[in-house]
Amino acid sequence: MKFQFKLERLLGFIRLKETMKKMEIASVNKKIAFLEHRISLSHSSLRKILEKCYEGNSQDYEYYHTNQVALDAGQLKKLNEAVVVCKREKEDKVQELNRLMMRRKGLESLREKRWQEHRKVVSKKAQKDLDEAFQLTEQAKQR
């Protein structure tokens, strides 16, 4: 008698979804890292511009530097907002991954219980067959 778990396809599907969710989280992590790198570049650019303005060597470009500072500050604000959105998205995906993992573990636990039950039934059947064979041989000896 072969063991067959009826929810095996569902278990496989949940494993697939779990893998996909992990890949999505990795993608969001890469996006966050990219945005944080862009933020650090914007900070360094802003710092350089402010240092040039503070030195006072470039009065000819004062208007340009002022506009550049405003643009960089706006870009920093947008990048920070994008990071916040990505982190919220990551939290949602992690929660869904945790839910999928709990579901998978529950199904695997159920599968293991069913496997144990199946082994008990098979061993009882085997023992019954041995007992019947023994009884037949005992009856044959008595005749």
N, C-alpha and C. Protein backbone atom coordinates (compact mmCIF):
# COMPACT_ATOMS: atom_id res chain seq x y z
N MET A 1 0.85 -1.17 0.00
CA MET A 1 0.00 0.00 0.00
C MET A 1 0.90 1.24 0.00
N LYS A 2 0.71 2.08 -0.97
CA LYS A 2 1.55 3.25 -1.14
C LYS A 2 0.95 4.45 -0.40
N PHE A 3 1.83 5.23 0.25
CA PHE A 3 1.37 6.42 0.96
C PHE A 3 1.13 7.54 -0.04
N GLN A 4 -0.02 8.19 0.10
CA GLN A 4 -0.34 9.31 -0.76
C GLN A 4 -1.00 10.39 0.10
N PHE A 5 -0.35 11.56 0.15
CA PHE A 5 -0.88 12.69 0.90
C PHE A 5 -1.74 13.51 -0.05
N LYS A 6 -3.00 13.66 0.28
CA LYS A 6 -3.94 14.30 -0.64
C LYS A 6 -3.69 15.78 -0.83
N LEU A 7 -3.00 16.41 0.13
CA LEU A 7 -2.74 17.85 0.04
C LEU A 7 -1.33 18.14 -0.47
N GLU A 8 -0.72 17.18 -1.12
CA GLU A 8 0.65 17.33 -1.62
C GLU A 8 0.76 18.46 -2.65
N ARG A 9 -0.22 18.55 -3.52
CA ARG A 9 -0.20 19.61 -4.55
C ARG A 9 -0.30 20.98 -3.89
N LEU A 10 -1.16 21.09 -2.88
CA LEU A 10 -1.29 22.35 -2.15
C LEU A 10 0.02 22.70 -1.45
N LEU A 11 0.66 21.72 -0.86
CA LEU A 11 1.94 21.92 -0.19
C LEU A 11 3.00 22.41 -1.18
N GLY A 12 3.03 21.81 -2.35
CA GLY A 12 3.97 22.25 -3.39
C GLY A 12 3.69 23.67 -3.84
N PHE A 13 2.41 23.99 -3.97
CA PHE A 13 2.02 25.34 -4.37
C PHE A 13 2.44 26.36 -3.32
N ILE A 14 2.26 26.02 -2.05
CA ILE A 14 2.65 26.94 -0.97
C ILE A 14 4.16 27.11 -0.95
N ARG A 15 4.90 26.04 -1.19
CA ARG A 15 6.36 26.15 -1.26
C ARG A 15 6.78 27.07 -2.40
N LEU A 16 6.10 26.95 -3.53
CA LEU A 16 6.40 27.81 -4.67
C LEU A 16 6.11 29.28 -4.34
N LYS A 17 4.96 29.53 -3.71
CA LYS A 17 4.61 30.90 -3.33
C LYS A 17 5.61 31.45 -2.32
N GLU A 18 6.07 30.59 -1.43
CA GLU A 18 7.06 31.01 -0.42
C GLU A 18 8.36 31.42 -1.10
N THR A 19 8.80 30.64 -2.07
CA THR A 19 10.02 30.96 -2.81
C THR A 19 9.85 32.27 -3.57
N MET A 20 8.69 32.44 -4.19
CA MET A 20 8.44 33.68 -4.93
C MET A 20 8.44 34.88 -3.99
N LYS A 21 7.86 34.72 -2.81
CA LYS A 21 7.81 35.81 -1.85
C LYS A 21 9.21 36.17 -1.38
N LYS A 22 10.07 35.16 -1.19
CA LYS A 22 11.46 35.43 -0.80
C LYS A 22 12.18 36.21 -1.89
N MET A 23 11.89 35.86 -3.15
CA MET A 23 12.50 36.59 -4.27
C MET A 23 12.00 38.03 -4.31
N GLU A 24 10.72 38.23 -4.04
CA GLU A 24 10.17 39.59 -4.01
C GLU A 24 10.83 40.40 -2.90
N ILE A 25 11.03 39.80 -1.75
CA ILE A 25 11.67 40.50 -0.63
C ILE A 25 13.11 40.87 -1.01
N ALA A 26 13.81 39.95 -1.67
CA ALA A 26 15.18 40.24 -2.10
C ALA A 26 15.19 41.41 -3.09
N SER A 27 14.21 41.44 -3.98
CA SER A 27 14.11 42.53 -4.94
C SER A 27 13.87 43.86 -4.24
N VAL A 28 12.99 43.86 -3.25
CA VAL A 28 12.71 45.10 -2.50
C VAL A 28 13.96 45.52 -1.72
N ASN A 29 14.69 44.55 -1.18
CA ASN A 29 15.94 44.88 -0.47
C ASN A 29 16.94 45.54 -1.40
N LYS A 30 17.04 45.04 -2.63
CA LYS A 30 17.95 45.64 -3.60
C LYS A 30 17.50 47.06 -3.94
N LYS A 31 16.21 47.24 -4.08
CA LYS A 31 15.67 48.57 -4.38
C LYS A 31 15.97 49.54 -3.23
N ILE A 32 15.81 49.08 -2.00
CA ILE A 32 16.10 49.92 -0.84
C ILE A 32 17.58 50.28 -0.81
N ALA A 33 18.44 49.30 -1.07
CA ALA A 33 19.88 49.56 -1.08
C ALA A 33 20.24 50.57 -2.16
N PHE A 34 19.62 50.44 -3.33
CA PHE A 34 19.87 51.39 -4.42
C PHE A 34 19.43 52.80 -4.02
N LEU A 35 18.24 52.91 -3.44
CA LEU A 35 17.74 54.22 -3.03
C LEU A 35 18.62 54.83 -1.94
N GLU A 36 19.07 54.01 -1.00
CA GLU A 36 19.94 54.52 0.06
C GLU A 36 21.29 54.96 -0.51
N HIS A 37 21.76 54.26 -1.53
CA HIS A 37 23.00 54.68 -2.20
C HIS A 37 22.78 56.03 -2.89
N ARG A 38 21.65 56.16 -3.56
CA ARG A 38 21.34 57.45 -4.21
C ARG A 38 21.23 58.57 -3.17
N ILE A 39 20.68 58.27 -2.01
CA ILE A 39 20.57 59.28 -0.95
C ILE A 39 21.97 59.70 -0.49
N SER A 40 22.86 58.74 -0.32
CA SER A 40 24.22 59.08 0.11
C SER A 40 24.94 59.90 -0.96
N LEU A 41 24.70 59.59 -2.24
CA LEU A 41 25.30 60.39 -3.32
C LEU A 41 24.74 61.81 -3.31
N SER A 42 23.45 61.93 -3.08
CA SER A 42 22.84 63.26 -3.03
C SER A 42 23.37 64.06 -1.84
N HIS A 43 23.56 63.38 -0.72
CA HIS A 43 24.13 64.06 0.46
C HIS A 43 25.54 64.56 0.17
N SER A 44 26.35 63.73 -0.46
CA SER A 44 27.72 64.14 -0.76
C SER A 44 27.73 65.28 -1.78
N SER A 45 26.86 65.21 -2.77
CA SER A 45 26.76 66.29 -3.76
C SER A 45 26.34 67.59 -3.09
N LEU A 46 25.35 67.50 -2.22
CA LEU A 46 24.87 68.68 -1.50
C LEU A 46 25.96 69.24 -0.61
N ARG A 47 26.69 68.36 0.03
CA ARG A 47 27.79 68.80 0.90
C ARG A 47 28.86 69.54 0.10
N LYS A 48 29.20 69.01 -1.09
CA LYS A 48 30.22 69.66 -1.93
C LYS A 48 29.77 71.04 -2.37
N ILE A 49 28.52 71.14 -2.77
CA ILE A 49 27.99 72.43 -3.23
C ILE A 49 28.00 73.44 -2.09
N LEU A 50 27.57 73.01 -0.92
CA LEU A 50 27.55 73.92 0.23
C LEU A 50 28.97 74.33 0.65
N GLU A 51 29.92 73.41 0.52
CA GLU A 51 31.30 73.77 0.83
C GLU A 51 31.83 74.80 -0.15
N LYS A 52 31.49 74.65 -1.42
CA LYS A 52 31.92 75.63 -2.42
C LYS A 52 31.29 77.00 -2.14
N CYS A 53 30.02 76.99 -1.77
CA CYS A 53 29.35 78.26 -1.46
C CYS A 53 29.96 78.88 -0.20
N TYR A 54 30.29 78.06 0.76
CA TYR A 54 30.84 78.56 2.02
C TYR A 54 32.23 79.15 1.80
N GLU A 55 33.01 78.54 0.91
CA GLU A 55 34.34 79.04 0.61
C GLU A 55 34.27 80.42 -0.04
N GLY A 56 33.22 80.68 -0.76
CA GLY A 56 33.02 81.98 -1.39
C GLY A 56 33.83 82.18 -2.65
N ASN A 57 34.44 81.15 -3.17
CA ASN A 57 35.26 81.25 -4.38
C ASN A 57 34.42 81.37 -5.64
N SER A 58 33.18 80.97 -5.57
CA SER A 58 32.40 80.88 -6.81
C SER A 58 31.16 81.77 -6.73
N GLN A 59 31.35 83.07 -6.64
CA GLN A 59 30.21 83.98 -6.58
C GLN A 59 29.50 84.04 -7.93
N ASP A 60 30.23 83.74 -8.99
CA ASP A 60 29.63 83.74 -10.32
C ASP A 60 28.57 82.66 -10.44
N TYR A 61 28.76 81.58 -9.72
CA TYR A 61 27.84 80.45 -9.81
C TYR A 61 26.89 80.37 -8.62
N GLU A 62 26.73 81.46 -7.89
CA GLU A 62 25.90 81.43 -6.68
C GLU A 62 24.45 81.07 -7.00
N TYR A 63 23.92 81.64 -8.07
CA TYR A 63 22.55 81.32 -8.47
C TYR A 63 22.42 79.85 -8.82
N TYR A 64 23.41 79.33 -9.57
CA TYR A 64 23.40 77.92 -9.95
C TYR A 64 23.45 77.03 -8.71
N HIS A 65 24.33 77.36 -7.77
CA HIS A 65 24.46 76.55 -6.56
C HIS A 65 23.18 76.58 -5.72
N THR A 66 22.55 77.75 -5.66
CA THR A 66 21.30 77.86 -4.90
C THR A 66 20.22 76.97 -5.50
N ASN A 67 20.11 77.01 -6.81
CA ASN A 67 19.12 76.15 -7.50
C ASN A 67 19.48 74.67 -7.35
N GLN A 68 20.77 74.39 -7.42
CA GLN A 68 21.20 72.99 -7.28
C GLN A 68 20.90 72.47 -5.88
N VAL A 69 21.11 73.31 -4.87
CA VAL A 69 20.80 72.91 -3.49
C VAL A 69 19.31 72.63 -3.35
N ALA A 70 18.48 73.48 -3.95
CA ALA A 70 17.03 73.29 -3.88
C ALA A 70 16.63 71.99 -4.58
N LEU A 71 17.21 71.74 -5.75
CA LEU A 71 16.91 70.51 -6.49
C LEU A 71 17.36 69.28 -5.71
N ASP A 72 18.56 69.33 -5.14
CA ASP A 72 19.05 68.19 -4.37
C ASP A 72 18.20 67.94 -3.14
N ALA A 73 17.76 69.02 -2.49
CA ALA A 73 16.92 68.87 -1.30
C ALA A 73 15.58 68.23 -1.68
N GLY A 74 15.01 68.64 -2.81
CA GLY A 74 13.76 68.03 -3.29
C GLY A 74 13.95 66.58 -3.64
N GLN A 75 15.09 66.29 -4.28
CA GLN A 75 15.37 64.90 -4.65
C GLN A 75 15.57 64.05 -3.40
N LEU A 76 16.24 64.59 -2.40
CA LEU A 76 16.43 63.85 -1.15
C LEU A 76 15.10 63.54 -0.49
N LYS A 77 14.20 64.49 -0.52
CA LYS A 77 12.88 64.28 0.08
C LYS A 77 12.15 63.15 -0.64
N LYS A 78 12.18 63.18 -1.96
CA LYS A 78 11.51 62.13 -2.74
C LYS A 78 12.16 60.76 -2.51
N LEU A 79 13.47 60.74 -2.44
CA LEU A 79 14.16 59.47 -2.21
C LEU A 79 13.84 58.91 -0.83
N ASN A 80 13.80 59.79 0.17
CA ASN A 80 13.46 59.33 1.52
C ASN A 80 12.03 58.79 1.57
N GLU A 81 11.12 59.45 0.87
CA GLU A 81 9.74 58.96 0.82
C GLU A 81 9.68 57.60 0.12
N ALA A 82 10.45 57.45 -0.94
CA ALA A 82 10.48 56.17 -1.66
C ALA A 82 11.05 55.06 -0.76
N VAL A 83 12.04 55.38 0.04
CA VAL A 83 12.61 54.38 0.96
C VAL A 83 11.56 53.96 1.98
N VAL A 84 10.81 54.93 2.50
CA VAL A 84 9.77 54.62 3.48
C VAL A 84 8.71 53.70 2.85
N VAL A 85 8.31 54.01 1.63
CA VAL A 85 7.32 53.19 0.93
C VAL A 85 7.87 51.78 0.71
N CYS A 86 9.12 51.68 0.30
CA CYS A 86 9.72 50.36 0.06
C CYS A 86 9.83 49.56 1.36
N LYS A 87 10.17 50.22 2.45
CA LYS A 87 10.27 49.51 3.73
C LYS A 87 8.91 49.01 4.19
N ARG A 88 7.88 49.81 3.95
CA ARG A 88 6.52 49.37 4.30
C ARG A 88 6.12 48.18 3.43
N GLU A 89 6.46 48.25 2.15
CA GLU A 89 6.18 47.14 1.24
C GLU A 89 6.92 45.88 1.68
N LYS A 90 8.17 46.05 2.11
CA LYS A 90 8.96 44.91 2.58
C LYS A 90 8.32 44.30 3.82
N GLU A 91 7.87 45.13 4.75
CA GLU A 91 7.22 44.61 5.96
C GLU A 91 5.98 43.79 5.61
N ASP A 92 5.19 44.29 4.65
CA ASP A 92 4.01 43.55 4.23
C ASP A 92 4.38 42.20 3.64
N LYS A 93 5.41 42.19 2.81
CA LYS A 93 5.84 40.95 2.17
C LYS A 93 6.42 39.97 3.20
N VAL A 94 7.12 40.49 4.20
CA VAL A 94 7.67 39.62 5.25
C VAL A 94 6.53 39.01 6.05
N GLN A 95 5.50 39.80 6.35
CA GLN A 95 4.35 39.25 7.07
C GLN A 95 3.67 38.16 6.27
N GLU A 96 3.51 38.39 4.98
CA GLU A 96 2.88 37.37 4.13
C GLU A 96 3.77 36.12 4.04
N LEU A 97 5.08 36.33 3.98
CA LEU A 97 6.00 35.19 3.97
C LEU A 97 5.88 34.39 5.26
N ASN A 98 5.80 35.08 6.38
CA ASN A 98 5.63 34.38 7.67
C ASN A 98 4.34 33.58 7.69
N ARG A 99 3.28 34.15 7.15
CA ARG A 99 2.00 33.44 7.09
C ARG A 99 2.12 32.20 6.22
N LEU A 100 2.79 32.32 5.07
CA LEU A 100 2.98 31.17 4.18
C LEU A 100 3.84 30.10 4.85
N MET A 101 4.87 30.53 5.57
CA MET A 101 5.74 29.56 6.24
C MET A 101 4.98 28.81 7.33
N MET A 102 4.15 29.51 8.07
CA MET A 102 3.34 28.84 9.10
C MET A 102 2.38 27.84 8.46
N ARG A 103 1.80 28.23 7.35
CA ARG A 103 0.87 27.34 6.65
C ARG A 103 1.59 26.10 6.14
N ARG A 104 2.79 26.32 5.58
CA ARG A 104 3.59 25.20 5.07
C ARG A 104 3.98 24.26 6.21
N LYS A 105 4.41 24.83 7.31
CA LYS A 105 4.81 24.00 8.45
C LYS A 105 3.62 23.21 8.99
N GLY A 106 2.44 23.83 9.01
CA GLY A 106 1.24 23.12 9.44
C GLY A 106 0.92 21.95 8.53
N LEU A 107 1.02 22.18 7.23
CA LEU A 107 0.76 21.09 6.27
C LEU A 107 1.82 19.99 6.37
N GLU A 108 3.07 20.39 6.57
CA GLU A 108 4.11 19.37 6.72
C GLU A 108 3.91 18.56 7.99
N SER A 109 3.46 19.20 9.04
CA SER A 109 3.16 18.49 10.28
C SER A 109 2.02 17.51 10.08
N LEU A 110 0.97 17.96 9.38
CA LEU A 110 -0.16 17.08 9.08
C LEU A 110 0.30 15.91 8.21
N ARG A 111 1.16 16.21 7.26
CA ARG A 111 1.68 15.15 6.38
C ARG A 111 2.45 14.11 7.19
N GLU A 112 3.27 14.60 8.13
CA GLU A 112 4.05 13.69 8.96
C GLU A 112 3.13 12.83 9.82
N LYS A 113 2.07 13.41 10.36
CA LYS A 113 1.11 12.63 11.16
C LYS A 113 0.44 11.56 10.31
N ARG A 114 0.04 11.95 9.11
CA ARG A 114 -0.59 10.98 8.21
C ARG A 114 0.39 9.87 7.83
N TRP A 115 1.66 10.22 7.64
CA TRP A 115 2.68 9.23 7.32
C TRP A 115 2.83 8.24 8.47
N GLN A 116 2.84 8.75 9.70
CA GLN A 116 2.93 7.87 10.87
C GLN A 116 1.72 6.94 10.95
N GLU A 117 0.53 7.49 10.71
CA GLU A 117 -0.68 6.66 10.71
C GLU A 117 -0.59 5.58 9.63
N HIS A 118 -0.13 5.96 8.47
CA HIS A 118 0.02 5.01 7.36
C HIS A 118 0.99 3.89 7.75
N ARG A 119 2.11 4.25 8.37
CA ARG A 119 3.08 3.24 8.78
C ARG A 119 2.49 2.29 9.81
N LYS A 120 1.66 2.82 10.72
CA LYS A 120 1.02 1.96 11.71
C LYS A 120 0.08 0.96 11.04
N VAL A 121 -0.73 1.46 10.10
CA VAL A 121 -1.67 0.59 9.39
C VAL A 121 -0.90 -0.48 8.62
N VAL A 122 0.15 -0.10 7.95
CA VAL A 122 0.94 -1.07 7.17
C VAL A 122 1.58 -2.10 8.09
N SER A 123 2.13 -1.64 9.21
CA SER A 123 2.77 -2.60 10.12
C SER A 123 1.74 -3.54 10.76
N LYS A 124 0.55 -3.02 11.08
CA LYS A 124 -0.51 -3.88 11.62
C LYS A 124 -0.93 -4.92 10.60
N LYS A 125 -1.05 -4.50 9.35
CA LYS A 125 -1.43 -5.41 8.29
C LYS A 125 -0.36 -6.49 8.10
N ALA A 126 0.88 -6.06 8.14
CA ALA A 126 1.97 -7.03 8.00
C ALA A 126 1.97 -8.01 9.16
N GLN A 127 1.75 -7.51 10.38
CA GLN A 127 1.70 -8.38 11.55
C GLN A 127 0.53 -9.35 11.46
N LYS A 128 -0.61 -8.85 10.98
CA LYS A 128 -1.80 -9.71 10.82
C LYS A 128 -1.52 -10.81 9.81
N ASP A 129 -0.86 -10.45 8.70
CA ASP A 129 -0.51 -11.45 7.68
C ASP A 129 0.43 -12.51 8.25
N LEU A 130 1.39 -12.07 9.06
CA LEU A 130 2.32 -13.02 9.68
C LEU A 130 1.58 -13.94 10.66
N ASP A 131 0.67 -13.36 11.45
CA ASP A 131 -0.11 -14.17 12.39
C ASP A 131 -0.95 -15.21 11.67
N GLU A 132 -1.59 -14.80 10.56
CA GLU A 132 -2.40 -15.74 9.79
C GLU A 132 -1.54 -16.86 9.21
N ALA A 133 -0.37 -16.48 8.71
CA ALA A 133 0.53 -17.49 8.14
C ALA A 133 0.98 -18.46 9.23
N PHE A 134 1.28 -17.93 10.41
CA PHE A 134 1.69 -18.78 11.52
C PHE A 134 0.57 -19.73 11.93
N GLN A 135 -0.66 -19.21 11.99
CA GLN A 135 -1.80 -20.04 12.36
C GLN A 135 -2.02 -21.15 11.32
N LEU A 136 -1.86 -20.81 10.05
CA LEU A 136 -2.02 -21.82 9.00
C LEU A 136 -0.95 -22.91 9.13
N THR A 137 0.26 -22.52 9.44
CA THR A 137 1.31 -23.53 9.59
C THR A 137 1.06 -24.38 10.83
N GLU A 138 0.57 -23.78 11.89
CA GLU A 138 0.24 -24.54 13.11
C GLU A 138 -0.89 -25.53 12.83
N GLN A 139 -1.90 -25.09 12.08
CA GLN A 139 -3.03 -25.98 11.75
C GLN A 139 -2.56 -27.11 10.86
N ALA A 140 -1.63 -26.82 9.95
CA ALA A 140 -1.12 -27.85 9.05
C ALA A 140 -0.31 -28.89 9.84
N LYS A 141 0.39 -28.46 10.88
CA LYS A 141 1.16 -29.39 11.72
C LYS A 141 0.26 -30.28 12.52
N GLN A 142 -0.87 -29.77 12.98
CA GLN A 142 -1.80 -30.54 13.81
C GLN A 142 -2.52 -31.60 12.99
N ARG A 143 -2.64 -31.48 11.75
CA ARG A 143 -3.36 -32.44 10.90
C ARG A 143 -2.53 -33.58 10.56
